[in-house]
N, C-alpha and C. Protein backbone atom coordinates (compact mmCIF):
# COMPACT_ATOMS: atom_id res chain seq x y z
N MET A 1 -72.01 -2.12 -145.05
CA MET A 1 -71.36 -1.36 -145.98
C MET A 1 -71.95 0.10 -146.07
N THR A 2 -71.14 1.03 -145.99
CA THR A 2 -71.65 2.48 -145.97
C THR A 2 -71.82 2.90 -147.45
N ALA A 3 -72.96 3.56 -147.65
CA ALA A 3 -73.27 4.11 -148.97
C ALA A 3 -72.32 5.27 -149.28
N THR A 4 -71.96 5.39 -150.56
CA THR A 4 -71.10 6.44 -151.00
C THR A 4 -71.92 7.74 -151.19
N LEU A 5 -71.19 8.83 -151.32
CA LEU A 5 -71.93 10.12 -151.62
C LEU A 5 -72.79 9.98 -152.83
N ASP A 6 -72.28 9.39 -153.97
CA ASP A 6 -73.13 9.28 -155.19
C ASP A 6 -74.31 8.45 -154.85
N GLN A 7 -74.20 7.36 -154.07
CA GLN A 7 -75.35 6.50 -153.86
C GLN A 7 -76.36 7.16 -152.92
N ARG A 8 -75.87 8.00 -151.96
CA ARG A 8 -76.84 8.68 -151.15
C ARG A 8 -77.64 9.69 -151.94
N LEU A 9 -76.99 10.51 -152.71
CA LEU A 9 -77.73 11.43 -153.61
C LEU A 9 -78.54 10.80 -154.64
N TYR A 10 -78.12 9.70 -155.16
CA TYR A 10 -78.89 8.96 -156.08
C TYR A 10 -80.22 8.44 -155.40
N GLY A 11 -80.06 8.07 -154.20
CA GLY A 11 -81.22 7.57 -153.42
C GLY A 11 -82.25 8.71 -153.36
N VAL A 12 -81.80 9.92 -153.12
CA VAL A 12 -82.73 11.07 -153.09
C VAL A 12 -83.37 11.29 -154.44
N ALA A 13 -82.59 11.16 -155.51
CA ALA A 13 -83.14 11.22 -156.85
C ALA A 13 -84.19 10.20 -157.07
N GLN A 14 -83.95 8.93 -156.67
CA GLN A 14 -84.95 7.87 -156.86
C GLN A 14 -86.22 8.15 -156.07
N LYS A 15 -86.07 8.73 -154.83
CA LYS A 15 -87.24 9.03 -154.07
C LYS A 15 -88.08 10.14 -154.75
N LEU A 16 -87.42 11.09 -155.32
CA LEU A 16 -88.09 12.18 -156.05
C LEU A 16 -88.90 11.59 -157.30
N LEU A 17 -88.22 10.66 -157.97
CA LEU A 17 -88.90 9.98 -159.10
C LEU A 17 -90.11 9.28 -158.72
N LEU A 18 -89.96 8.50 -157.68
CA LEU A 18 -91.13 7.76 -157.10
C LEU A 18 -92.29 8.61 -156.75
N GLU A 19 -91.92 9.73 -155.99
CA GLU A 19 -92.98 10.66 -155.59
C GLU A 19 -93.69 11.21 -156.81
N ARG A 20 -92.91 11.58 -157.80
CA ARG A 20 -93.49 12.16 -159.05
C ARG A 20 -94.46 11.13 -159.65
N ALA A 21 -93.96 9.88 -159.74
CA ALA A 21 -94.80 8.84 -160.38
C ALA A 21 -96.10 8.63 -159.70
N TYR A 22 -96.12 8.82 -158.39
CA TYR A 22 -97.41 8.67 -157.57
C TYR A 22 -98.14 9.97 -157.28
N GLY A 23 -97.63 11.08 -157.94
CA GLY A 23 -98.36 12.35 -157.79
C GLY A 23 -98.07 13.05 -156.46
N ALA A 24 -97.11 12.58 -155.71
CA ALA A 24 -96.79 13.26 -154.48
C ALA A 24 -95.56 14.22 -154.69
N VAL A 25 -95.55 15.25 -153.88
CA VAL A 25 -94.43 16.19 -153.89
C VAL A 25 -93.98 16.51 -152.53
N SER A 26 -92.75 16.32 -152.25
CA SER A 26 -92.16 16.72 -150.89
C SER A 26 -92.00 18.20 -150.82
N GLU A 27 -92.23 18.70 -149.72
CA GLU A 27 -91.95 20.16 -149.50
C GLU A 27 -90.48 20.44 -149.50
N PRO A 28 -90.02 21.41 -150.32
CA PRO A 28 -88.58 21.71 -150.21
C PRO A 28 -88.16 22.20 -148.89
N SER A 29 -86.90 22.01 -148.59
CA SER A 29 -86.35 22.52 -147.35
C SER A 29 -86.04 23.99 -147.54
N ALA A 30 -85.59 24.62 -146.45
CA ALA A 30 -85.11 25.97 -146.58
C ALA A 30 -83.90 25.99 -147.46
N PRO A 31 -83.62 27.06 -148.22
CA PRO A 31 -82.45 27.08 -149.01
C PRO A 31 -81.13 26.84 -148.19
N ARG A 32 -80.36 25.97 -148.74
CA ARG A 32 -79.11 25.53 -148.09
C ARG A 32 -78.02 26.46 -148.42
N GLU A 33 -78.08 27.20 -149.56
CA GLU A 33 -77.06 28.12 -149.97
C GLU A 33 -75.71 27.48 -150.07
N LEU A 34 -75.69 26.27 -150.54
CA LEU A 34 -74.42 25.56 -150.77
C LEU A 34 -74.01 25.54 -152.22
N VAL A 35 -74.91 25.21 -153.11
CA VAL A 35 -74.63 25.18 -154.53
C VAL A 35 -74.72 26.49 -155.12
N GLN A 36 -73.62 26.95 -155.72
CA GLN A 36 -73.59 28.24 -156.45
C GLN A 36 -73.84 28.09 -157.90
N GLU A 37 -74.15 29.15 -158.60
CA GLU A 37 -74.45 29.12 -160.01
C GLU A 37 -73.31 28.35 -160.82
N GLN A 38 -72.12 28.75 -160.52
CA GLN A 38 -71.00 28.06 -161.30
C GLN A 38 -70.91 26.60 -161.01
N ASP A 39 -71.27 26.17 -159.77
CA ASP A 39 -71.33 24.72 -159.44
C ASP A 39 -72.37 24.05 -160.36
N ALA A 40 -73.52 24.66 -160.44
CA ALA A 40 -74.56 24.06 -161.31
C ALA A 40 -74.23 24.03 -162.77
N VAL A 41 -73.63 25.05 -163.22
CA VAL A 41 -73.14 25.07 -164.64
C VAL A 41 -72.12 24.02 -164.84
N ASP A 42 -71.15 23.88 -164.00
CA ASP A 42 -70.09 22.83 -164.02
C ASP A 42 -70.73 21.44 -164.00
N ALA A 43 -71.66 21.25 -163.11
CA ALA A 43 -72.35 19.90 -163.01
C ALA A 43 -73.00 19.58 -164.27
N THR A 44 -73.73 20.53 -164.88
CA THR A 44 -74.38 20.26 -166.13
C THR A 44 -73.45 19.83 -167.26
N LEU A 45 -72.27 20.49 -167.29
CA LEU A 45 -71.27 20.14 -168.28
C LEU A 45 -70.64 18.82 -168.04
N MET A 46 -70.46 18.49 -166.74
CA MET A 46 -69.99 17.14 -166.41
C MET A 46 -70.98 16.00 -166.81
N LEU A 47 -72.25 16.33 -166.60
CA LEU A 47 -73.22 15.35 -167.04
C LEU A 47 -73.25 15.21 -168.56
N ILE A 48 -73.09 16.26 -169.25
CA ILE A 48 -73.08 16.14 -170.77
C ILE A 48 -71.85 15.35 -171.19
N ALA A 49 -70.71 15.60 -170.53
CA ALA A 49 -69.54 14.80 -170.83
C ALA A 49 -69.72 13.31 -170.58
N ALA A 50 -70.35 12.96 -169.44
CA ALA A 50 -70.61 11.60 -169.10
C ALA A 50 -71.58 10.98 -170.05
N LEU A 51 -72.58 11.72 -170.42
CA LEU A 51 -73.58 11.28 -171.41
C LEU A 51 -72.94 11.07 -172.75
N SER A 52 -72.12 11.92 -173.23
CA SER A 52 -71.41 11.80 -174.51
C SER A 52 -70.59 10.53 -174.50
N GLU A 53 -69.90 10.28 -173.38
CA GLU A 53 -69.07 9.11 -173.30
C GLU A 53 -69.85 7.87 -173.44
N GLN A 54 -71.04 7.78 -172.79
CA GLN A 54 -71.88 6.64 -172.86
C GLN A 54 -72.48 6.43 -174.26
N VAL A 55 -72.84 7.58 -174.95
CA VAL A 55 -73.30 7.44 -176.34
C VAL A 55 -72.23 6.93 -177.22
N HIS A 56 -70.96 7.42 -177.10
CA HIS A 56 -69.87 6.93 -177.87
C HIS A 56 -69.49 5.49 -177.60
N LEU A 57 -69.72 5.04 -176.39
CA LEU A 57 -69.49 3.65 -176.01
C LEU A 57 -70.62 2.68 -176.50
N GLY A 58 -71.78 3.34 -176.93
CA GLY A 58 -72.87 2.49 -177.36
C GLY A 58 -73.82 2.06 -176.27
N CYS A 59 -73.61 2.63 -175.04
CA CYS A 59 -74.45 2.22 -173.86
C CYS A 59 -75.75 2.96 -173.98
N ILE A 60 -75.83 4.12 -174.56
CA ILE A 60 -77.03 4.88 -174.75
C ILE A 60 -77.13 5.23 -176.21
N THR A 61 -78.35 5.06 -176.76
CA THR A 61 -78.50 5.35 -178.23
C THR A 61 -78.43 6.82 -178.47
N PRO A 62 -77.99 7.21 -179.67
CA PRO A 62 -77.81 8.69 -180.00
C PRO A 62 -79.15 9.44 -179.78
N ASP A 63 -80.28 8.85 -180.12
CA ASP A 63 -81.54 9.57 -179.97
C ASP A 63 -81.85 9.82 -178.45
N VAL A 64 -81.66 8.83 -177.67
CA VAL A 64 -81.84 9.02 -176.14
C VAL A 64 -80.77 10.00 -175.64
N GLY A 65 -79.61 9.90 -176.10
CA GLY A 65 -78.56 10.84 -175.62
C GLY A 65 -78.85 12.29 -176.03
N ALA A 66 -79.38 12.49 -177.20
CA ALA A 66 -79.78 13.80 -177.67
C ALA A 66 -80.93 14.38 -176.85
N ARG A 67 -81.85 13.54 -176.48
CA ARG A 67 -82.94 13.97 -175.68
C ARG A 67 -82.55 14.40 -174.30
N MET A 68 -81.65 13.52 -173.71
CA MET A 68 -81.10 13.83 -172.40
C MET A 68 -80.29 15.13 -172.51
N ALA A 69 -79.50 15.32 -173.49
CA ALA A 69 -78.72 16.61 -173.60
C ALA A 69 -79.65 17.77 -173.73
N ALA A 70 -80.66 17.59 -174.52
CA ALA A 70 -81.65 18.71 -174.74
C ALA A 70 -82.27 19.13 -173.38
N LEU A 71 -82.66 18.12 -172.50
CA LEU A 71 -83.16 18.43 -171.27
C LEU A 71 -82.15 19.15 -170.34
N LEU A 72 -80.92 18.68 -170.48
CA LEU A 72 -79.84 19.41 -169.68
C LEU A 72 -79.63 20.83 -170.21
N MET A 73 -79.87 21.13 -171.45
CA MET A 73 -79.72 22.45 -171.94
C MET A 73 -80.84 23.35 -171.40
N ALA A 74 -81.98 22.79 -171.15
CA ALA A 74 -83.08 23.59 -170.58
C ALA A 74 -82.67 23.95 -169.11
N ILE A 75 -82.12 23.02 -168.43
CA ILE A 75 -81.65 23.27 -167.03
C ILE A 75 -80.55 24.31 -167.08
N ARG A 76 -79.55 24.13 -167.93
CA ARG A 76 -78.39 25.04 -168.04
C ARG A 76 -78.86 26.42 -168.39
N ASP A 77 -79.90 26.60 -169.30
CA ASP A 77 -80.32 27.94 -169.62
C ASP A 77 -81.01 28.63 -168.40
N TYR A 78 -81.66 27.89 -167.58
CA TYR A 78 -82.34 28.40 -166.39
C TYR A 78 -81.18 28.89 -165.36
N VAL A 79 -80.20 28.09 -165.27
CA VAL A 79 -79.14 28.39 -164.30
C VAL A 79 -78.33 29.54 -164.74
N ARG A 80 -77.88 29.53 -166.03
CA ARG A 80 -77.22 30.64 -166.65
C ARG A 80 -77.55 30.61 -168.15
N PRO A 81 -78.16 31.70 -168.68
CA PRO A 81 -78.56 31.69 -170.01
C PRO A 81 -77.48 31.23 -170.96
N LEU A 82 -77.85 30.40 -171.97
CA LEU A 82 -76.92 29.91 -172.96
C LEU A 82 -76.56 31.10 -173.91
N PRO A 83 -75.47 31.02 -174.62
CA PRO A 83 -75.19 31.97 -175.60
C PRO A 83 -76.28 31.98 -176.68
N ALA A 84 -76.45 33.05 -177.34
CA ALA A 84 -77.42 33.18 -178.45
C ALA A 84 -77.00 32.33 -179.59
N GLY A 85 -77.97 31.65 -180.20
CA GLY A 85 -77.72 30.92 -181.54
C GLY A 85 -78.36 31.66 -182.62
N ILE A 86 -77.64 32.70 -183.20
CA ILE A 86 -78.24 33.64 -184.14
C ILE A 86 -78.13 33.08 -185.58
N ALA A 87 -79.28 33.08 -186.28
CA ALA A 87 -79.40 32.67 -187.68
C ALA A 87 -79.04 33.82 -188.57
N ALA A 88 -78.89 33.56 -189.91
CA ALA A 88 -78.49 34.59 -190.80
C ALA A 88 -79.54 35.71 -190.82
N ASP A 89 -80.76 35.40 -190.53
CA ASP A 89 -81.84 36.48 -190.57
C ASP A 89 -81.94 37.21 -189.25
N GLY A 90 -81.00 36.86 -188.31
CA GLY A 90 -81.01 37.65 -187.09
C GLY A 90 -81.85 37.00 -185.98
N ARG A 91 -82.64 35.97 -186.24
CA ARG A 91 -83.40 35.32 -185.20
C ARG A 91 -82.47 34.44 -184.30
N ASP A 92 -82.85 34.37 -183.09
CA ASP A 92 -82.19 33.55 -182.09
C ASP A 92 -82.84 32.16 -182.14
N LEU A 93 -82.21 31.27 -182.87
CA LEU A 93 -82.72 29.91 -183.10
C LEU A 93 -82.73 29.12 -181.76
N LEU A 94 -81.77 29.39 -180.91
CA LEU A 94 -81.78 28.66 -179.64
C LEU A 94 -82.99 29.02 -178.84
N SER A 95 -83.47 30.26 -178.90
CA SER A 95 -84.72 30.54 -178.18
C SER A 95 -85.86 29.71 -178.72
N ASP A 96 -85.96 29.54 -179.96
CA ASP A 96 -87.07 28.74 -180.61
C ASP A 96 -86.88 27.28 -180.09
N ASP A 97 -85.71 26.76 -180.08
CA ASP A 97 -85.48 25.36 -179.64
C ASP A 97 -85.78 25.17 -178.17
N LEU A 98 -85.36 26.09 -177.34
CA LEU A 98 -85.58 26.04 -175.98
C LEU A 98 -87.10 26.16 -175.66
N GLY A 99 -87.77 27.00 -176.32
CA GLY A 99 -89.21 27.20 -176.20
C GLY A 99 -89.93 25.91 -176.47
N GLU A 100 -89.46 25.25 -177.60
CA GLU A 100 -90.13 24.01 -178.00
C GLU A 100 -89.82 22.88 -176.99
N MET A 101 -88.54 22.90 -176.42
CA MET A 101 -88.18 21.86 -175.45
C MET A 101 -89.01 22.08 -174.13
N VAL A 102 -89.20 23.31 -173.71
CA VAL A 102 -89.98 23.67 -172.59
C VAL A 102 -91.41 23.18 -172.82
N ALA A 103 -91.93 23.39 -173.94
CA ALA A 103 -93.30 22.96 -174.23
C ALA A 103 -93.43 21.43 -174.07
N VAL A 104 -92.45 20.71 -174.59
CA VAL A 104 -92.43 19.25 -174.40
C VAL A 104 -92.36 18.82 -172.95
N ILE A 105 -91.51 19.47 -172.18
CA ILE A 105 -91.37 19.22 -170.76
C ILE A 105 -92.70 19.41 -170.01
N ARG A 106 -93.30 20.56 -170.36
CA ARG A 106 -94.57 20.88 -169.72
C ARG A 106 -95.70 19.93 -170.09
N ALA A 107 -95.75 19.50 -171.30
CA ALA A 107 -96.75 18.51 -171.83
C ALA A 107 -96.53 17.21 -171.11
N VAL A 108 -95.33 16.76 -171.09
CA VAL A 108 -95.08 15.46 -170.41
C VAL A 108 -95.28 15.53 -168.93
N SER A 109 -94.89 16.62 -168.30
CA SER A 109 -95.01 16.75 -166.89
C SER A 109 -96.43 16.78 -166.34
N ARG A 110 -97.37 17.24 -167.23
CA ARG A 110 -98.71 17.41 -166.77
C ARG A 110 -99.65 16.26 -167.20
N GLN A 111 -99.02 15.21 -167.73
CA GLN A 111 -99.86 14.02 -168.07
C GLN A 111 -100.39 13.34 -166.79
N PRO A 112 -101.64 12.77 -166.90
CA PRO A 112 -102.13 12.08 -165.70
C PRO A 112 -101.41 10.83 -165.40
């Protein structure tokens, strides 16, 4: 039986997870120049839609879904900055939230 496109790319994702768990990092290849910015933005939104569906079906708890969506927003902001979330006092609340999320990502990523 031949693996599907999704299964093949999922296999790559699993390999990256295992490497990370064991402290190894594969060298990246040369840029492929296949995925464009809009492709990455669209993929992020597709992931959020699939995630939302699973939360609404009860397959993923709301707390876990919210954490996953927050991580996706960090990715999305890197690919293409999110619109400003301006408070009444003029502060960009989204910047505060993204900064806090990045601090969490960095703290978790650097644990032994």
